[in-house]
N, C-alpha and C. Protein backbone atom coordinates (compact mmCIF):
# COMPACT_ATOMS: atom_id res chain seq x y z
N MET A 1 -76.41 73.11 -19.97
CA MET A 1 -76.27 73.89 -21.16
C MET A 1 -77.46 74.83 -21.26
N THR A 2 -77.23 75.97 -21.86
CA THR A 2 -78.27 76.98 -21.96
C THR A 2 -79.40 76.53 -22.89
N THR A 3 -80.60 76.97 -22.59
CA THR A 3 -81.73 76.65 -23.44
C THR A 3 -81.96 77.73 -24.48
N ASN A 4 -81.22 78.83 -24.39
CA ASN A 4 -81.34 79.93 -25.33
C ASN A 4 -79.94 80.34 -25.80
N PRO A 5 -79.31 79.53 -26.65
CA PRO A 5 -77.93 79.81 -27.03
C PRO A 5 -77.80 81.05 -27.90
N SER A 6 -76.62 81.66 -27.85
CA SER A 6 -76.32 82.81 -28.67
C SER A 6 -76.21 82.39 -30.13
N PRO A 7 -76.19 83.35 -31.06
CA PRO A 7 -76.08 83.00 -32.48
C PRO A 7 -74.85 82.15 -32.82
N ALA A 8 -73.69 82.52 -32.31
CA ALA A 8 -72.47 81.76 -32.61
C ALA A 8 -72.53 80.38 -31.98
N LEU A 9 -73.08 80.27 -30.79
CA LEU A 9 -73.18 78.98 -30.13
C LEU A 9 -74.17 78.07 -30.86
N GLU A 10 -75.26 78.63 -31.39
CA GLU A 10 -76.20 77.83 -32.18
C GLU A 10 -75.49 77.18 -33.36
N VAL A 11 -74.64 77.94 -34.04
CA VAL A 11 -73.90 77.41 -35.19
C VAL A 11 -72.93 76.32 -34.74
N ALA A 12 -72.20 76.57 -33.66
CA ALA A 12 -71.23 75.58 -33.17
C ALA A 12 -71.93 74.29 -32.76
N LEU A 13 -73.07 74.40 -32.10
CA LEU A 13 -73.82 73.21 -31.69
C LEU A 13 -74.38 72.45 -32.89
N ALA A 14 -74.85 73.18 -33.89
CA ALA A 14 -75.37 72.54 -35.10
C ALA A 14 -74.25 71.81 -35.84
N TYR A 15 -73.06 72.42 -35.91
CA TYR A 15 -71.90 71.77 -36.53
C TYR A 15 -71.52 70.50 -35.76
N PHE A 16 -71.47 70.60 -34.44
CA PHE A 16 -71.15 69.45 -33.60
C PHE A 16 -72.14 68.31 -33.86
N ASP A 17 -73.42 68.64 -33.89
CA ASP A 17 -74.44 67.63 -34.13
C ASP A 17 -74.24 66.97 -35.50
N ALA A 18 -73.94 67.77 -36.51
CA ALA A 18 -73.76 67.22 -37.86
C ALA A 18 -72.57 66.29 -37.94
N TRP A 19 -71.40 66.72 -37.44
CA TRP A 19 -70.22 65.85 -37.60
C TRP A 19 -70.28 64.64 -36.70
N THR A 20 -70.91 64.74 -35.53
CA THR A 20 -71.00 63.56 -34.67
C THR A 20 -72.02 62.55 -35.19
N HIS A 21 -72.89 62.99 -36.10
CA HIS A 21 -73.81 62.07 -36.77
C HIS A 21 -73.29 61.72 -38.17
N GLN A 22 -72.04 62.04 -38.43
CA GLN A 22 -71.35 61.74 -39.68
C GLN A 22 -72.05 62.31 -40.91
N ASP A 23 -72.71 63.46 -40.73
CA ASP A 23 -73.35 64.16 -41.84
C ASP A 23 -72.42 65.30 -42.25
N PHE A 24 -71.36 64.96 -42.97
CA PHE A 24 -70.31 65.93 -43.28
C PHE A 24 -70.78 66.99 -44.27
N ASP A 25 -71.71 66.65 -45.15
CA ASP A 25 -72.25 67.67 -46.06
C ASP A 25 -72.98 68.75 -45.27
N ARG A 26 -73.80 68.33 -44.31
CA ARG A 26 -74.50 69.32 -43.46
C ARG A 26 -73.51 70.09 -42.60
N ALA A 27 -72.51 69.39 -42.07
CA ALA A 27 -71.50 70.06 -41.23
C ALA A 27 -70.82 71.19 -41.99
N MET A 28 -70.52 70.96 -43.25
CA MET A 28 -69.80 71.97 -44.03
C MET A 28 -70.64 73.20 -44.30
N THR A 29 -71.96 73.13 -44.16
CA THR A 29 -72.79 74.31 -44.37
C THR A 29 -72.60 75.33 -43.25
N TYR A 30 -71.99 74.93 -42.14
CA TYR A 30 -71.77 75.83 -41.01
C TYR A 30 -70.35 76.41 -40.98
N ILE A 31 -69.52 76.06 -41.93
CA ILE A 31 -68.10 76.42 -41.91
C ILE A 31 -67.80 77.56 -42.87
N ALA A 32 -67.10 78.57 -42.37
CA ALA A 32 -66.64 79.68 -43.21
C ALA A 32 -65.41 79.25 -44.00
N GLU A 33 -65.21 79.81 -45.17
CA GLU A 33 -64.07 79.46 -46.01
C GLU A 33 -62.74 79.70 -45.31
N ASN A 34 -62.67 80.70 -44.46
CA ASN A 34 -61.41 81.08 -43.81
C ASN A 34 -61.29 80.57 -42.38
N ILE A 35 -61.90 79.43 -42.10
CA ILE A 35 -61.88 78.88 -40.73
C ILE A 35 -60.45 78.67 -40.23
N LEU A 36 -60.27 78.95 -38.96
CA LEU A 36 -59.06 78.60 -38.22
C LEU A 36 -59.51 77.75 -37.05
N CYS A 37 -59.00 76.54 -36.96
CA CYS A 37 -59.47 75.62 -35.93
C CYS A 37 -58.30 74.84 -35.35
N ASP A 38 -58.17 74.86 -34.04
CA ASP A 38 -57.19 74.02 -33.36
C ASP A 38 -57.95 72.90 -32.67
N ALA A 39 -57.66 71.69 -33.08
CA ALA A 39 -58.36 70.51 -32.56
C ALA A 39 -57.33 69.43 -32.26
N PRO A 40 -57.70 68.45 -31.46
CA PRO A 40 -56.75 67.37 -31.16
C PRO A 40 -56.19 66.69 -32.42
N ALA A 41 -56.98 66.67 -33.47
CA ALA A 41 -56.52 66.02 -34.71
C ALA A 41 -55.58 66.90 -35.52
N GLY A 42 -55.45 68.18 -35.15
CA GLY A 42 -54.53 69.06 -35.86
C GLY A 42 -55.05 70.47 -36.00
N HIS A 43 -54.22 71.30 -36.62
CA HIS A 43 -54.54 72.70 -36.88
C HIS A 43 -55.13 72.79 -38.28
N VAL A 44 -56.30 73.39 -38.40
CA VAL A 44 -56.98 73.52 -39.69
C VAL A 44 -57.03 74.98 -40.07
N ARG A 45 -56.56 75.28 -41.26
CA ARG A 45 -56.67 76.63 -41.82
C ARG A 45 -57.30 76.47 -43.20
N GLY A 46 -58.55 76.88 -43.32
CA GLY A 46 -59.27 76.77 -44.58
C GLY A 46 -60.26 75.62 -44.59
N CYS A 47 -61.46 75.90 -45.08
CA CYS A 47 -62.55 74.91 -45.02
C CYS A 47 -62.27 73.69 -45.88
N TRP A 48 -61.46 73.79 -46.88
CA TRP A 48 -61.21 72.65 -47.77
C TRP A 48 -60.54 71.48 -47.05
N ARG A 49 -59.93 71.71 -45.88
CA ARG A 49 -59.27 70.63 -45.15
C ARG A 49 -60.20 69.87 -44.22
N LEU A 50 -61.35 70.43 -43.89
CA LEU A 50 -62.21 69.81 -42.89
C LEU A 50 -62.84 68.48 -43.28
N PRO A 51 -63.37 68.30 -44.49
CA PRO A 51 -64.03 67.01 -44.76
C PRO A 51 -63.11 65.80 -44.52
N GLY A 52 -61.91 65.85 -44.95
CA GLY A 52 -60.99 64.74 -44.73
C GLY A 52 -60.65 64.56 -43.26
N LEU A 53 -60.46 65.66 -42.56
CA LEU A 53 -60.15 65.60 -41.14
C LEU A 53 -61.32 65.02 -40.36
N ASP A 54 -62.53 65.50 -40.63
CA ASP A 54 -63.71 64.98 -39.94
C ASP A 54 -63.89 63.49 -40.22
N GLY A 55 -63.71 63.08 -41.46
CA GLY A 55 -63.86 61.68 -41.80
C GLY A 55 -62.85 60.82 -41.08
N ALA A 56 -61.61 61.28 -41.01
CA ALA A 56 -60.56 60.52 -40.32
C ALA A 56 -60.84 60.44 -38.82
N VAL A 57 -61.29 61.54 -38.25
CA VAL A 57 -61.60 61.56 -36.82
C VAL A 57 -62.74 60.59 -36.52
N MET A 58 -63.78 60.60 -37.34
CA MET A 58 -64.94 59.75 -37.07
C MET A 58 -64.62 58.26 -37.21
N GLN A 59 -63.57 57.92 -37.94
CA GLN A 59 -63.19 56.52 -38.06
C GLN A 59 -62.61 55.99 -36.76
N ILE A 60 -62.08 56.87 -35.90
CA ILE A 60 -61.48 56.41 -34.65
C ILE A 60 -62.31 56.74 -33.41
N LEU A 61 -63.37 57.53 -33.55
CA LEU A 61 -64.21 57.89 -32.39
C LEU A 61 -65.42 57.00 -32.27
N THR A 62 -65.80 56.70 -31.05
CA THR A 62 -67.05 55.99 -30.83
C THR A 62 -68.15 56.95 -30.37
N ASN A 63 -67.79 58.07 -29.75
CA ASN A 63 -68.77 59.09 -29.40
C ASN A 63 -68.07 60.35 -28.94
N ALA A 64 -68.85 61.42 -28.82
CA ALA A 64 -68.36 62.70 -28.31
C ALA A 64 -69.47 63.29 -27.45
N THR A 65 -69.11 63.76 -26.26
CA THR A 65 -70.07 64.30 -25.31
C THR A 65 -69.67 65.72 -24.93
N ILE A 66 -70.59 66.64 -25.07
CA ILE A 66 -70.31 68.04 -24.71
C ILE A 66 -70.21 68.16 -23.19
N ILE A 67 -69.13 68.80 -22.74
CA ILE A 67 -68.90 69.08 -21.33
C ILE A 67 -69.34 70.51 -21.01
N ALA A 68 -68.98 71.44 -21.90
CA ALA A 68 -69.32 72.84 -21.69
C ALA A 68 -69.47 73.52 -23.05
N ALA A 69 -70.30 74.54 -23.10
CA ALA A 69 -70.50 75.30 -24.33
C ALA A 69 -70.75 76.76 -23.96
N PHE A 70 -70.02 77.65 -24.61
CA PHE A 70 -70.13 79.08 -24.34
C PHE A 70 -70.19 79.81 -25.66
N GLY A 71 -70.84 80.97 -25.69
CA GLY A 71 -70.85 81.74 -26.91
C GLY A 71 -71.48 83.10 -26.74
N ASN A 72 -71.21 83.96 -27.73
CA ASN A 72 -71.86 85.26 -27.80
C ASN A 72 -72.28 85.47 -29.25
N ASP A 73 -72.44 86.69 -29.69
CA ASP A 73 -72.91 86.93 -31.05
C ASP A 73 -71.93 86.46 -32.12
N HIS A 74 -70.62 86.45 -31.82
CA HIS A 74 -69.62 86.20 -32.85
C HIS A 74 -68.67 85.04 -32.57
N THR A 75 -68.59 84.58 -31.34
CA THR A 75 -67.61 83.58 -30.97
C THR A 75 -68.27 82.48 -30.14
N ALA A 76 -67.83 81.25 -30.37
CA ALA A 76 -68.34 80.13 -29.57
C ALA A 76 -67.19 79.19 -29.24
N MET A 77 -67.34 78.48 -28.13
CA MET A 77 -66.37 77.47 -27.72
C MET A 77 -67.13 76.27 -27.19
N LEU A 78 -66.81 75.10 -27.73
CA LEU A 78 -67.35 73.86 -27.22
C LEU A 78 -66.22 73.05 -26.61
N MET A 79 -66.44 72.53 -25.43
CA MET A 79 -65.50 71.61 -24.82
C MET A 79 -66.21 70.26 -24.79
N TYR A 80 -65.57 69.27 -25.39
CA TYR A 80 -66.20 67.96 -25.42
C TYR A 80 -65.19 66.86 -25.17
N ASP A 81 -65.70 65.75 -24.70
CA ASP A 81 -64.89 64.57 -24.42
C ASP A 81 -65.20 63.55 -25.50
N THR A 82 -64.19 62.82 -25.92
CA THR A 82 -64.39 61.81 -26.95
C THR A 82 -63.92 60.45 -26.45
N ASN A 83 -64.47 59.42 -27.04
CA ASN A 83 -64.06 58.04 -26.76
C ASN A 83 -63.67 57.40 -28.07
N ARG A 84 -62.68 56.52 -28.01
CA ARG A 84 -62.30 55.75 -29.18
C ARG A 84 -61.99 54.33 -28.74
N PRO A 85 -62.19 53.39 -29.64
CA PRO A 85 -61.96 51.99 -29.27
C PRO A 85 -60.53 51.75 -28.80
N GLY A 86 -60.39 51.00 -27.72
CA GLY A 86 -59.06 50.65 -27.23
C GLY A 86 -58.38 51.71 -26.39
N ALA A 87 -58.97 52.90 -26.27
CA ALA A 87 -58.34 53.96 -25.48
C ALA A 87 -58.64 53.76 -24.00
N THR A 88 -57.68 54.08 -23.17
CA THR A 88 -57.91 54.03 -21.74
C THR A 88 -57.73 55.41 -21.17
N ARG A 89 -58.47 55.70 -20.14
CA ARG A 89 -58.39 57.00 -19.48
C ARG A 89 -57.36 56.95 -18.37
N ALA A 90 -56.65 58.05 -18.25
CA ALA A 90 -55.68 58.16 -17.15
C ALA A 90 -56.44 58.29 -15.84
N ARG A 91 -55.99 57.64 -14.83
CA ARG A 91 -56.62 57.74 -13.51
C ARG A 91 -55.76 58.63 -12.62
N ARG A 92 -56.45 59.48 -11.86
CA ARG A 92 -55.72 60.40 -10.96
C ARG A 92 -56.11 60.12 -9.55
């Protein structure tokens, strides 16, 4: 991961850190009111839906590990892997 992230990537990484530490109040400080987010837990349109979604996700996750992170001044993308109790990974 880069040691000098772009502005958008800094925000995405700070949000990731907050929600993975279950600090949802801090996480919400990084979210715009008009957020559009496609995540494994569902499609989110509007910041008012995130606290419940994050809370539900954290009840089933044991951890999340960043695989890749990219960003520029306005856009960021995080790719991460998650683990949850009782889940098994597909073997190839």
